[in-house]
PDB file of N, CA and C in Angstrom:
ATOM      1  N   UNK A   1      43.365  75.833  99.418  1.00  0.00           N
ATOM      2  CA  UNK A   1      44.155  76.572 100.226  1.00  0.00           C
ATOM      3  C   UNK A   1      43.872  76.992 101.399  1.00  0.00           C
ATOM      4  N   UNK A   2      44.557  77.451 102.741  1.00  0.00           N
ATOM      5  CA  UNK A   2      44.211  78.194 103.538  1.00  0.00           C
ATOM      6  C   UNK A   2      45.401  79.007 104.387  1.00  0.00           C
ATOM      7  N   UNK A   3      45.258  79.864 104.435  1.00  0.00           N
ATOM      8  CA  UNK A   3      46.418  80.872 105.439  1.00  0.00           C
ATOM      9  C   UNK A   3      46.188  81.400 106.645  1.00  0.00           C
ATOM     10  N   UNK A   4      47.237  81.155 107.406  1.00  0.00           N
ATOM     11  CA  UNK A   4      47.496  81.900 108.494  1.00  0.00           C
ATOM     12  C   UNK A   4      48.217  83.613 108.293  1.00  0.00           C
ATOM     13  N   UNK A   5      47.151  84.200 109.203  1.00  0.00           N
ATOM     14  CA  UNK A   5      48.233  85.598 109.017  1.00  0.00           C
ATOM     15  C   UNK A   5      48.257  86.665 109.972  1.00  0.00           C
ATOM     16  N   UNK A   6      49.047  87.471 109.895  1.00  0.00           N
ATOM     17  CA  UNK A   6      49.454  88.092 110.979  1.00  0.00           C
ATOM     18  C   UNK A   6      49.529  89.663 110.472  1.00  0.00           C
ATOM     19  N   UNK A   7      48.403  90.548 111.329  1.00  0.00           N
ATOM     20  CA  UNK A   7      48.532  92.306 110.873  1.00  0.00           C
ATOM     21  C   UNK A   7      48.948  92.920 111.958  1.00  0.00           C
ATOM     22  N   UNK A   8      49.364  94.447 111.260  1.00  0.00           N
ATOM     23  CA  UNK A   8      49.889  94.618 112.209  1.00  0.00           C
ATOM     24  C   UNK A   8      49.190  96.468 112.208  1.00  0.00           C
ATOM     25  N   UNK A   9      48.915  96.840 113.194  1.00  0.00           N
ATOM     26  CA  UNK A   9      47.810  97.988 113.346  1.00  0.00           C
ATOM     27  C   UNK A   9      49.112  99.354 113.398  1.00  0.00           C
ATOM     28  N   UNK A  10      48.684 100.235 112.221  1.00  0.00           N
ATOM     29  CA  UNK A  10      49.674 100.921 112.570  1.00  0.00           C
ATOM     30  C   UNK A  10      49.003 102.244 113.529  1.00  0.00           C
ATOM     31  N   UNK A  11      47.650 102.001 113.649  1.00  0.00           N
ATOM     32  CA  UNK A  11      47.647 102.793 114.715  1.00  0.00           C
ATOM     33  C   UNK A  11      48.362 102.418 116.214  1.00  0.00           C
ATOM     34  N   UNK A  12      47.722 101.523 116.816  1.00  0.00           N
ATOM     35  CA  UNK A  12      48.109 101.299 118.276  1.00  0.00           C
ATOM     36  C   UNK A  12      49.122 100.234 118.205  1.00  0.00           C
ATOM     37  N   UNK A  13      50.024  99.556 117.273  1.00  0.00           N
ATOM     38  CA  UNK A  13      51.391  98.776 117.164  1.00  0.00           C
ATOM     39  C   UNK A  13      51.068  97.314 117.404  1.00  0.00           C
ATOM     40  N   UNK A  14      50.185  96.881 117.949  1.00  0.00           N
ATOM     41  CA  UNK A  14      49.614  95.687 117.997  1.00  0.00           C
ATOM     42  C   UNK A  14      49.298  94.819 116.820  1.00  0.00           C
ATOM     43  N   UNK A  15      49.199  93.003 117.251  1.00  0.00           N
ATOM     44  CA  UNK A  15      49.156  92.637 116.362  1.00  0.00           C
ATOM     45  C   UNK A  15      47.715  91.596 115.703  1.00  0.00           C
ATOM     46  N   UNK A  16      47.193  91.532 115.027  1.00  0.00           N
ATOM     47  CA  UNK A  16      45.913  90.719 114.976  1.00  0.00           C
ATOM     48  C   UNK A  16      46.620  89.064 114.548  1.00  0.00           C
ATOM     49  N   UNK A  17      45.774  88.204 115.035  1.00  0.00           N
ATOM     50  CA  UNK A  17      46.194  87.202 114.388  1.00  0.00           C
ATOM     51  C   UNK A  17      44.930  86.495 113.419  1.00  0.00           C
ATOM     52  N   UNK A  18      45.215  85.741 112.114  1.00  0.00           N
ATOM     53  CA  UNK A  18      43.928  85.721 111.694  1.00  0.00           C
ATOM     54  C   UNK A  18      44.078  84.248 110.792  1.00  0.00           C
ATOM     55  N   UNK A  19      42.717  83.300 110.397  1.00  0.00           N
ATOM     56  CA  UNK A  19      42.924  82.291 109.111  1.00  0.00           C
ATOM     57  C   UNK A  19      42.334  82.565 108.394  1.00  0.00           C
ATOM     58  N   UNK A  20      42.289  82.082 106.930  1.00  0.00           N
ATOM     59  CA  UNK A  20      41.123  82.098 106.365  1.00  0.00           C
ATOM     60  C   UNK A  20      41.346  81.464 104.915  1.00  0.00           C
ATOM     61  N   UNK A  21      40.481  80.998 103.899  1.00  0.00           N
ATOM     62  CA  UNK A  21      40.130  80.227 102.937  1.00  0.00           C
ATOM     63  C   UNK A  21      40.847  81.359 101.877  1.00  0.00           C
ATOM     64  N   UNK A  22      40.521  82.629 102.029  1.00  0.00           N
ATOM     65  CA  UNK A  22      40.947  83.635 100.793  1.00  0.00           C
ATOM     66  C   UNK A  22      41.282  85.188 101.296  1.00  0.00           C
ATOM     67  N   UNK A  23      42.891  84.804 101.329  1.00  0.00           N
ATOM     68  CA  UNK A  23      43.446  86.014 101.800  1.00  0.00           C
ATOM     69  C   UNK A  23      43.519  87.172 101.420  1.00  0.00           C
ATOM     70  N   UNK A  24      43.250  86.865 100.050  1.00  0.00           N
ATOM     71  CA  UNK A  24      43.134  88.614  99.600  1.00  0.00           C
ATOM     72  C   UNK A  24      41.334  88.878  99.784  1.00  0.00           C
ATOM     73  N   UNK A  25      40.974  88.531  99.739  1.00  0.00           N
ATOM     74  CA  UNK A  25      39.142  89.045 100.308  1.00  0.00           C
ATOM     75  C   UNK A  25      39.519  89.456 101.124  1.00  0.00           C
ATOM     76  N   UNK A  26      40.106  88.268 102.282  1.00  0.00           N
ATOM     77  CA  UNK A  26      39.821  88.964 103.776  1.00  0.00           C
ATOM     78  C   UNK A  26      40.635  90.135 104.435  1.00  0.00           C
ATOM     79  N   UNK A  27      41.682  90.402 103.565  1.00  0.00           N
ATOM     80  CA  UNK A  27      42.883  91.628 103.756  1.00  0.00           C
ATOM     81  C   UNK A  27      41.731  92.724 103.430  1.00  0.00           C
ATOM     82  N   UNK A  28      40.881  92.426 102.060  1.00  0.00           N
ATOM     83  CA  UNK A  28      40.369  93.522 101.879  1.00  0.00           C
ATOM     84  C   UNK A  28      39.204  94.155 102.486  1.00  0.00           C
ATOM     85  N   UNK A  29      38.609  92.699 103.391  1.00  0.00           N
ATOM     86  CA  UNK A  29      37.427  93.467 104.623  1.00  0.00           C
ATOM     87  C   UNK A  29      37.923  93.994 105.608  1.00  0.00           C
ATOM     88  N   UNK A  30      39.462  93.626 105.964  1.00  0.00           N
ATOM     89  CA  UNK A  30      40.368  94.212 106.860  1.00  0.00           C
ATOM     90  C   UNK A  30      40.115  95.773 106.320  1.00  0.00           C
ATOM     91  N   UNK A  31      40.931  96.126 105.434  1.00  0.00           N
ATOM     92  CA  UNK A  31      41.104  97.467 104.842  1.00  0.00           C
ATOM     93  C   UNK A  31      39.778  97.981 104.881  1.00  0.00           C
ATOM     94  N   UNK A  32      38.927  98.043 104.957  1.00  0.00           N
ATOM     95  CA  UNK A  32      37.595  99.024 104.613  1.00  0.00           C
ATOM     96  C   UNK A  32      36.811  98.711 105.622  1.00  0.00           C
ATOM     97  N   UNK A  33      37.315  98.253 107.114  1.00  0.00           N
ATOM     98  CA  UNK A  33      36.595  98.065 108.580  1.00  0.00           C
ATOM     99  C   UNK A  33      35.556  97.203 108.535  1.00  0.00           C
ATOM    100  N   UNK A  34      35.410  96.268 107.765  1.00  0.00           N
ATOM    101  CA  UNK A  34      34.505  95.042 107.998  1.00  0.00           C
ATOM    102  C   UNK A  34      34.580  93.965 108.663  1.00  0.00           C
ATOM    103  N   UNK A  35      36.152  94.335 109.441  1.00  0.00           N
ATOM    104  CA  UNK A  35      36.066  93.228 110.349  1.00  0.00           C
ATOM    105  C   UNK A  35      35.843  93.829 112.058  1.00  0.00           C
ATOM    106  N   UNK A  36      35.209  93.347 112.729  1.00  0.00           N
ATOM    107  CA  UNK A  36      34.610  94.023 113.826  1.00  0.00           C
ATOM    108  C   UNK A  36      35.918  94.426 115.191  1.00  0.00           C
ATOM    109  N   UNK A  37      36.350  93.015 114.839  1.00  0.00           N
ATOM    110  CA  UNK A  37      38.103  93.479 115.784  1.00  0.00           C
ATOM    111  C   UNK A  37      39.229  94.328 115.353  1.00  0.00           C
ATOM    112  N   UNK A  38      38.990  94.312 114.132  1.00  0.00           N
ATOM    113  CA  UNK A  38      40.540  95.698 113.664  1.00  0.00           C
ATOM    114  C   UNK A  38      39.868  96.684 113.023  1.00  0.00           C
ATOM    115  N   UNK A  39      38.366  96.889 112.998  1.00  0.00           N
ATOM    116  CA  UNK A  39      37.849  98.312 112.345  1.00  0.00           C
ATOM    117  C   UNK A  39      38.536  99.775 113.002  1.00  0.00           C
ATOM    118  N   UNK A  40      38.917  99.752 114.175  1.00  0.00           N
ATOM    119  CA  UNK A  40      39.708 100.702 114.854  1.00  0.00           C
ATOM    120  C   UNK A  40      40.413 100.647 115.348  1.00  0.00           C
ATOM    121  N   UNK A  41      41.401  99.915 114.598  1.00  0.00           N
ATOM    122  CA  UNK A  41      42.674 100.030 114.926  1.00  0.00           C
ATOM    123  C   UNK A  41      43.641 100.237 113.128  1.00  0.00           C
ATOM    124  N   UNK A  42      42.786 100.182 112.436  1.00  0.00           N
ATOM    125  CA  UNK A  42      43.320 100.981 110.879  1.00  0.00           C
ATOM    126  C   UNK A  42      44.133 102.172 110.998  1.00  0.00           C
ATOM    127  N   UNK A  43      45.577 102.217 110.255  1.00  0.00           N
ATOM    128  CA  UNK A  43      45.650 100.878 108.825  1.00  0.00           C
ATOM    129  C   UNK A  43      46.290 100.010 109.620  1.00  0.00           C
ATOM    130  N   UNK A  44      46.056  98.932 108.521  1.00  0.00           N
ATOM    131  CA  UNK A  44      47.058  97.587 108.862  1.00  0.00           C
ATOM    132  C   UNK A  44      47.876  97.480 107.789  1.00  0.00           C
ATOM    133  N   UNK A  45      48.878  96.652 108.383  1.00  0.00           N
ATOM    134  CA  UNK A  45      50.298  96.126 107.393  1.00  0.00           C
ATOM    135  C   UNK A  45      49.912  94.676 107.170  1.00  0.00           C
ATOM    136  N   UNK A  46      49.595  93.746 106.324  1.00  0.00           N
ATOM    137  CA  UNK A  46      50.283  92.555 106.639  1.00  0.00           C
ATOM    138  C   UNK A  46      51.881  92.208 107.167  1.00  0.00           C
ATOM    139  N   UNK A  47      51.948  91.913 107.928  1.00  0.00           N
ATOM    140  CA  UNK A  47      53.113  91.502 109.034  1.00  0.00           C
ATOM    141  C   UNK A  47      53.717  89.696 108.327  1.00  0.00           C
ATOM    142  N   UNK A  48      52.594  89.097 108.393  1.00  0.00           N
ATOM    143  CA  UNK A  48      53.298  87.864 108.046  1.00  0.00           C
ATOM    144  C   UNK A  48      51.919  86.642 107.084  1.00  0.00           C
ATOM    145  N   UNK A  49      52.342  85.894 106.365  1.00  0.00           N
ATOM    146  CA  UNK A  49      51.205  85.039 106.182  1.00  0.00           C
ATOM    147  C   UNK A  49      51.854  83.654 105.304  1.00  0.00           C
ATOM    148  N   UNK A  50      51.431  82.615 105.702  1.00  0.00           N
ATOM    149  CA  UNK A  50      51.437  81.392 105.435  1.00  0.00           C
ATOM    150  C   UNK A  50      50.580  80.602 104.884  1.00  0.00           C
ATOM    151  N   UNK A  51      50.904  79.333 103.843  1.00  0.00           N
ATOM    152  CA  UNK A  51      49.525  78.581 103.352  1.00  0.00           C
ATOM    153  C   UNK A  51      50.025  77.394 103.988  1.00  0.00           C
ATOM    154  N   UNK A  52      48.855  76.953 104.308  1.00  0.00           N
ATOM    155  CA  UNK A  52      48.615  75.045 104.177  1.00  0.00           C
ATOM    156  C   UNK A  52      47.261  74.318 103.495  1.00  0.00           C
ATOM    157  N   UNK A  53      47.741  73.139 103.663  1.00  0.00           N
ATOM    158  CA  UNK A  53      46.684  72.370 103.032  1.00  0.00           C
ATOM    159  C   UNK A  53      45.297  72.253 103.892  1.00  0.00           C
ATOM    160  N   UNK A  54      45.469  72.426 104.421  1.00  0.00           N
ATOM    161  CA  UNK A  54      44.000  72.132 105.441  1.00  0.00           C
ATOM    162  C   UNK A  54      43.811  73.348 106.207  1.00  0.00           C
ATOM    163  N   UNK A  55      42.336  73.553 106.791  1.00  0.00           N
ATOM    164  CA  UNK A  55      42.043  74.798 107.803  1.00  0.00           C
ATOM    165  C   UNK A  55      42.174  74.198 109.005  1.00  0.00           C
ATOM    166  N   UNK A  56      42.565  73.226 109.463  1.00  0.00           N
ATOM    167  CA  UNK A  56      43.002  72.451 110.637  1.00  0.00           C
ATOM    168  C   UNK A  56      44.616  72.971 111.023  1.00  0.00           C
ATOM    169  N   UNK A  57      45.117  73.036 109.681  1.00  0.00           N
ATOM    170  CA  UNK A  57      46.481  73.598 109.617  1.00  0.00           C
ATOM    171  C   UNK A  57      46.703  74.633 110.362  1.00  0.00           C
ATOM    172  N   UNK A  58      46.147  75.371 109.010  1.00  0.00           N
ATOM    173  CA  UNK A  58      45.778  76.713 109.332  1.00  0.00           C
ATOM    174  C   UNK A  58      45.365  77.733 111.050  1.00  0.00           C
ATOM    175  N   UNK A  59      44.903  76.817 111.279  1.00  0.00           N
ATOM    176  CA  UNK A  59      44.029  77.040 112.855  1.00  0.00           C
ATOM    177  C   UNK A  59      45.256  76.855 113.748  1.00  0.00           C
ATOM    178  N   UNK A  60      45.789  75.428 113.972  1.00  0.00           N
ATOM    179  CA  UNK A  60      47.060  75.445 114.410  1.00  0.00           C
ATOM    180  C   UNK A  60      48.164  76.261 114.624  1.00  0.00           C
ATOM    181  N   UNK A  61      48.601  76.460 113.383  1.00  0.00           N
ATOM    182  CA  UNK A  61      49.457  77.370 113.396  1.00  0.00           C
ATOM    183  C   UNK A  61      48.777  78.779 113.995  1.00  0.00           C
ATOM    184  N   UNK A  62      47.837  79.420 113.973  1.00  0.00           N
ATOM    185  CA  UNK A  62      47.130  80.801 114.181  1.00  0.00           C
ATOM    186  C   UNK A  62      47.103  80.791 115.732  1.00  0.00           C
ATOM    187  N   UNK A  63      47.024  79.256 116.383  1.00  0.00           N
ATOM    188  CA  UNK A  63      47.083  79.338 117.953  1.00  0.00           C
ATOM    189  C   UNK A  63      48.507  79.005 118.291  1.00  0.00           C
ATOM    190  N   UNK A  64      49.885  78.801 117.940  1.00  0.00           N
ATOM    191  CA  UNK A  64      50.765  78.881 118.065  1.00  0.00           C
ATOM    192  C   UNK A  64      51.539  80.722 118.209  1.00  0.00           C
ATOM    193  N   UNK A  65      50.689  81.286 117.750  1.00  0.00           N
ATOM    194  CA  UNK A  65      51.632  82.693 117.738  1.00  0.00           C
ATOM    195  C   UNK A  65      50.978  83.074 118.907  1.00  0.00           C
TER     196      UNK A  65
END
């Protein structure tokens, strides 16, 4: 399974759009500053997530946002 997700920064009120095959692990990486693009935008909250059968479907949906 693959996921498209949106995080909202409580610091700057902006959104981050991503896709992954392991949503829980990826959210943990964001939480602890292991993702360069969101490291300085923490804290973050999960605003939206959607599950897909293929990586291509998840990435296609992420581009729609």
